[in-house]
Amino acid sequence: MNTGLAILLIILALVGGLVGGFFIARKYMMDYFEKNPPIDENMLRMMMIQMGQKPSERKINQMMSQMKSQQKNAKKKKK
């Protein structure tokens, strides 16, 4: 019976570690992407040029502020 109990405890610890690790990694990545967004002004400017639009600073700033507000709204909805 001791061997069966030991195997059960090992399996429970493994499952608990996997679940805990998943949520810790998820939280870390969400914080990382909030601090370091994957799209910055230069990338946005290049995408607009590739789409045939002439990027102005006003347009770029407007799009960046929209993206940031969408991120904040998405974060509020999750809580």
N, C-alpha and C. Protein backbone atom coordinates (compact mmCIF):
# COMPACT_ATOMS: atom_id res chain seq x y z
N MET A 1 0.81 -1.20 0.00
CA MET A 1 0.00 0.00 0.00
C MET A 1 0.86 1.26 0.00
N ASN A 2 2.03 1.20 0.62
CA ASN A 2 2.91 2.37 0.66
C ASN A 2 3.38 2.77 -0.73
N THR A 3 3.63 1.80 -1.58
CA THR A 3 4.07 2.09 -2.94
C THR A 3 2.96 2.77 -3.73
N GLY A 4 1.75 2.30 -3.58
CA GLY A 4 0.60 2.90 -4.27
C GLY A 4 0.38 4.33 -3.81
N LEU A 5 0.52 4.58 -2.51
CA LEU A 5 0.36 5.93 -1.96
C LEU A 5 1.46 6.85 -2.49
N ALA A 6 2.67 6.33 -2.57
CA ALA A 6 3.78 7.13 -3.07
C ALA A 6 3.57 7.50 -4.54
N ILE A 7 3.12 6.56 -5.34
CA ILE A 7 2.85 6.84 -6.75
C ILE A 7 1.74 7.87 -6.89
N LEU A 8 0.69 7.74 -6.09
CA LEU A 8 -0.42 8.69 -6.12
C LEU A 8 0.06 10.09 -5.76
N LEU A 9 0.88 10.20 -4.73
CA LEU A 9 1.40 11.51 -4.31
C LEU A 9 2.31 12.12 -5.39
N ILE A 10 3.10 11.30 -6.04
CA ILE A 10 3.97 11.79 -7.11
C ILE A 10 3.13 12.31 -8.27
N ILE A 11 2.09 11.59 -8.63
CA ILE A 11 1.22 12.02 -9.73
C ILE A 11 0.50 13.32 -9.37
N LEU A 12 0.00 13.41 -8.14
CA LEU A 12 -0.68 14.64 -7.70
C LEU A 12 0.29 15.83 -7.70
N ALA A 13 1.51 15.61 -7.25
CA ALA A 13 2.51 16.69 -7.24
C ALA A 13 2.85 17.12 -8.67
N LEU A 14 2.94 16.17 -9.57
CA LEU A 14 3.23 16.48 -10.97
C LEU A 14 2.10 17.30 -11.59
N VAL A 15 0.87 16.88 -11.37
CA VAL A 15 -0.28 17.61 -11.92
C VAL A 15 -0.35 19.01 -11.31
N GLY A 16 -0.16 19.10 -10.00
CA GLY A 16 -0.18 20.40 -9.33
C GLY A 16 0.92 21.32 -9.85
N GLY A 17 2.10 20.78 -10.08
CA GLY A 17 3.20 21.57 -10.62
C GLY A 17 2.92 22.05 -12.03
N LEU A 18 2.33 21.19 -12.85
CA LEU A 18 2.00 21.59 -14.22
C LEU A 18 0.95 22.69 -14.25
N VAL A 19 -0.08 22.54 -13.43
CA VAL A 19 -1.14 23.55 -13.39
C VAL A 19 -0.60 24.87 -12.85
N GLY A 20 0.15 24.80 -11.76
CA GLY A 20 0.74 26.01 -11.19
C GLY A 20 1.72 26.67 -12.15
N GLY A 21 2.54 25.90 -12.80
CA GLY A 21 3.50 26.43 -13.77
C GLY A 21 2.81 27.10 -14.94
N PHE A 22 1.72 26.51 -15.39
CA PHE A 22 0.97 27.11 -16.50
C PHE A 22 0.46 28.50 -16.13
N PHE A 23 -0.17 28.62 -14.97
CA PHE A 23 -0.74 29.91 -14.58
C PHE A 23 0.34 30.95 -14.27
N ILE A 24 1.45 30.53 -13.70
CA ILE A 24 2.55 31.46 -13.44
C ILE A 24 3.14 31.95 -14.75
N ALA A 25 3.35 31.04 -15.71
CA ALA A 25 3.89 31.44 -17.01
C ALA A 25 2.92 32.34 -17.76
N ARG A 26 1.63 32.06 -17.66
CA ARG A 26 0.61 32.89 -18.31
C ARG A 26 0.62 34.31 -17.75
N LYS A 27 0.67 34.43 -16.43
CA LYS A 27 0.70 35.74 -15.78
C LYS A 27 1.97 36.50 -16.18
N TYR A 28 3.10 35.82 -16.22
CA TYR A 28 4.37 36.45 -16.60
C TYR A 28 4.30 36.98 -18.03
N MET A 29 3.77 36.19 -18.94
CA MET A 29 3.70 36.63 -20.34
C MET A 29 2.72 37.78 -20.52
N MET A 30 1.62 37.78 -19.80
CA MET A 30 0.67 38.88 -19.90
C MET A 30 1.31 40.18 -19.41
N ASP A 31 2.04 40.11 -18.31
CA ASP A 31 2.73 41.29 -17.80
C ASP A 31 3.82 41.75 -18.76
N TYR A 32 4.54 40.79 -19.35
CA TYR A 32 5.61 41.13 -20.28
C TYR A 32 5.06 41.84 -21.51
N PHE A 33 3.98 41.32 -22.09
CA PHE A 33 3.40 41.95 -23.28
C PHE A 33 2.76 43.29 -22.97
N GLU A 34 2.30 43.48 -21.75
CA GLU A 34 1.74 44.77 -21.37
C GLU A 34 2.86 45.82 -21.28
N LYS A 35 4.00 45.43 -20.75
CA LYS A 35 5.13 46.37 -20.63
C LYS A 35 5.86 46.54 -21.94
N ASN A 36 5.93 45.50 -22.75
CA ASN A 36 6.66 45.52 -24.03
C ASN A 36 5.73 45.06 -25.14
N PRO A 37 4.89 45.95 -25.65
CA PRO A 37 3.96 45.52 -26.69
C PRO A 37 4.69 45.03 -27.92
N PRO A 38 4.14 44.03 -28.60
CA PRO A 38 4.82 43.45 -29.75
C PRO A 38 4.86 44.39 -30.96
N ILE A 39 4.02 45.43 -30.98
CA ILE A 39 4.01 46.37 -32.10
C ILE A 39 4.37 47.75 -31.57
N ASP A 40 5.38 48.37 -32.16
CA ASP A 40 5.74 49.72 -31.78
C ASP A 40 5.50 50.67 -32.95
N GLU A 41 5.87 51.93 -32.77
CA GLU A 41 5.58 52.94 -33.79
C GLU A 41 6.27 52.63 -35.12
N ASN A 42 7.51 52.17 -35.06
CA ASN A 42 8.24 51.89 -36.30
C ASN A 42 7.60 50.74 -37.07
N MET A 43 7.19 49.71 -36.37
CA MET A 43 6.54 48.58 -37.05
C MET A 43 5.21 49.02 -37.64
N LEU A 44 4.48 49.85 -36.93
CA LEU A 44 3.20 50.35 -37.42
C LEU A 44 3.41 51.21 -38.67
N ARG A 45 4.44 52.02 -38.65
CA ARG A 45 4.77 52.87 -39.80
C ARG A 45 5.10 52.02 -41.02
N MET A 46 5.89 50.97 -40.81
CA MET A 46 6.26 50.09 -41.93
C MET A 46 5.03 49.35 -42.49
N MET A 47 4.13 48.93 -41.61
CA MET A 47 2.92 48.24 -42.08
C MET A 47 2.06 49.19 -42.91
N MET A 48 1.96 50.44 -42.49
CA MET A 48 1.15 51.40 -43.24
C MET A 48 1.77 51.68 -44.61
N ILE A 49 3.08 51.77 -44.66
CA ILE A 49 3.76 51.98 -45.94
C ILE A 49 3.53 50.78 -46.86
N GLN A 50 3.60 49.57 -46.32
CA GLN A 50 3.38 48.37 -47.12
C GLN A 50 1.95 48.28 -47.63
N MET A 51 1.01 48.86 -46.87
CA MET A 51 -0.39 48.85 -47.32
C MET A 51 -0.69 49.99 -48.28
N GLY A 52 0.31 50.82 -48.56
CA GLY A 52 0.11 51.90 -49.52
C GLY A 52 -0.40 53.19 -48.91
N GLN A 53 -0.37 53.30 -47.60
CA GLN A 53 -0.81 54.52 -46.94
C GLN A 53 0.40 55.36 -46.56
N LYS A 54 0.21 56.66 -46.55
CA LYS A 54 1.28 57.55 -46.12
C LYS A 54 1.09 57.82 -44.62
N PRO A 55 1.99 57.31 -43.81
CA PRO A 55 1.80 57.44 -42.36
C PRO A 55 2.16 58.84 -41.87
N SER A 56 1.25 59.47 -41.17
CA SER A 56 1.54 60.73 -40.51
C SER A 56 1.67 60.44 -39.01
N GLU A 57 2.36 61.32 -38.31
CA GLU A 57 2.55 61.11 -36.87
C GLU A 57 1.21 61.09 -36.15
N ARG A 58 0.29 61.91 -36.60
CA ARG A 58 -1.03 61.96 -35.97
C ARG A 58 -1.74 60.61 -36.10
N LYS A 59 -1.68 60.01 -37.29
CA LYS A 59 -2.32 58.71 -37.52
C LYS A 59 -1.67 57.62 -36.67
N ILE A 60 -0.35 57.64 -36.62
CA ILE A 60 0.38 56.62 -35.87
C ILE A 60 0.07 56.74 -34.38
N ASN A 61 0.09 57.97 -33.86
CA ASN A 61 -0.22 58.16 -32.44
C ASN A 61 -1.66 57.75 -32.14
N GLN A 62 -2.57 58.04 -33.05
CA GLN A 62 -3.96 57.66 -32.85
C GLN A 62 -4.11 56.14 -32.82
N MET A 63 -3.45 55.45 -33.73
CA MET A 63 -3.54 53.99 -33.76
C MET A 63 -2.90 53.36 -32.52
N MET A 64 -1.78 53.92 -32.07
CA MET A 64 -1.12 53.39 -30.87
C MET A 64 -2.00 53.59 -29.64
N SER A 65 -2.63 54.75 -29.53
CA SER A 65 -3.50 54.99 -28.38
C SER A 65 -4.72 54.07 -28.42
N GLN A 66 -5.25 53.79 -29.61
CA GLN A 66 -6.37 52.85 -29.73
C GLN A 66 -5.94 51.45 -29.29
N MET A 67 -4.76 51.03 -29.70
CA MET A 67 -4.28 49.70 -29.32
C MET A 67 -4.10 49.61 -27.80
N LYS A 68 -3.55 50.66 -27.19
CA LYS A 68 -3.36 50.65 -25.74
C LYS A 68 -4.68 50.64 -25.00
N SER A 69 -5.66 51.39 -25.51
CA SER A 69 -6.97 51.40 -24.83
C SER A 69 -7.66 50.05 -24.98
N GLN A 70 -7.49 49.39 -26.11
CA GLN A 70 -8.06 48.06 -26.29
C GLN A 70 -7.43 47.06 -25.32
N GLN A 71 -6.12 47.19 -25.11
CA GLN A 71 -5.45 46.30 -24.16
C GLN A 71 -5.98 46.53 -22.75
N LYS A 72 -6.17 47.79 -22.38
CA LYS A 72 -6.68 48.09 -21.04
C LYS A 72 -8.10 47.58 -20.87
N ASN A 73 -8.94 47.75 -21.91
CA ASN A 73 -10.32 47.26 -21.84
C ASN A 73 -10.35 45.74 -21.74
N ALA A 74 -9.49 45.07 -22.47
CA ALA A 74 -9.44 43.61 -22.42
C ALA A 74 -8.99 43.15 -21.03
N LYS A 75 -8.08 43.89 -20.44
CA LYS A 75 -7.59 43.53 -19.10
C LYS A 75 -8.69 43.72 -18.07
N LYS A 76 -9.48 44.79 -18.20
CA LYS A 76 -10.57 45.05 -17.27
C LYS A 76 -11.66 43.98 -17.38
N LYS A 77 -11.94 43.52 -18.59
CA LYS A 77 -12.98 42.52 -18.80
C LYS A 77 -12.59 41.18 -18.18
N LYS A 78 -11.31 40.86 -18.15
CA LYS A 78 -10.86 39.59 -17.60
C LYS A 78 -10.98 39.56 -16.08
N LYS A 79 -10.93 40.72 -15.46
CA LYS A 79 -11.02 40.75 -13.99
C LYS A 79 -12.42 40.73 -13.59
